[in-house]
């Protein structure tokens, strides 16, 4: 490593969805690489105390960050802090690394070739402040380059989903037990298909896991679930929305990021989908899949089950390259795509990817491409 890495802190807590776990894992990988997190006031502090973060950050950078060092920040982040980093960089000469957690301005309604909105221009400025940008995937890299991002970009490819050795062992034991006991079609999360899949009633029922903030996933209430498929759902879901679910969907409640891999690991597949459409990807959140990495994909693969992903999603390259899932255009293709798949091959590929996700391999690799070049 050429120099030290200093990291802008983020006040993240467990939120029972990807918002907390995802960035916790990023900070965990950075700690493994010897990074130093810059102190900031706790999340519970009063506003006037949090204002102390700026002068502390200024003095820390002036006295600690050197010419060979890197300052790491993720967006969304306070624009005042990013401008402060730019100003101090002119004096100290360090380099900046921007990690893309979310592109809030580009999330809804961005169209390639159209003039950028004020919010999109501001977000682009946050990216261009850094010499290096860790982009979610090749799709987001291409989109941002066309929008005017000048920074050196490295595509991470997928979220990692870090686990302890004890968690991984529990998952291995639970998934193996579930498959040996009943095999496919014996109940929620039983899993266990072997060889060439045989979708439909004759081949039993496939259980598909779907986890996250279910209140945002409007397609769940609108979709028509094909024969031979059942959905097992985990996450935040209001009582009224629970009543709107199709009969083939079973809601299992809200679990923490440590508990949910143990719940999904014996399903047959994990679904990565979003938007409002009953069959096709529709709406801003659905279209955003073209550019972002859904944390659901990391969850399922780290739990050792193959994924079902929209064929135009940013993660499609990763799934295709690692042969760890099925790509579909619309939900209506589920039964046929599953029937044509060699499930045993997909399962083996998912289990091959799982240990790397659990140890944070993909972010480490992307980070090393910057700090060791």
Foldseek 3Di string as FASTA:
>chain_A
DQAAEEEEDDQADFDLFCRRQLVVVVVVLNVVVVHHYQDADHPPDDPVRRVVRVVSVLVCCLVPPAQRYEYEYEPPDPVVVLVSVLVVCVVHNHFYEYEYPDDVLCLFDDDQPDQGDPSNVSSLVSQLSGQEYAFQFPLQVVRSVSNPRPHHYDHLQAGFRADDPVLLVLLVVLQVVLQVPPDAAPDALSHHDAFFQAAAPVRHAAEEEEEGACVQAQLQLQADQDHRYAYEYEGDDDPVVVVSGDPRYDYDYGDTSSCVLSRNLSGQEYEDAGDNDRKAQDGSNRVSQLGHHHNSCNSHLLSQHAYEYACNGRNVVVCVVLVQYFYDGINVCVRVRSNRDGSNVNSVSSPVCNVCSNVVNSVSVRVCVPSVD
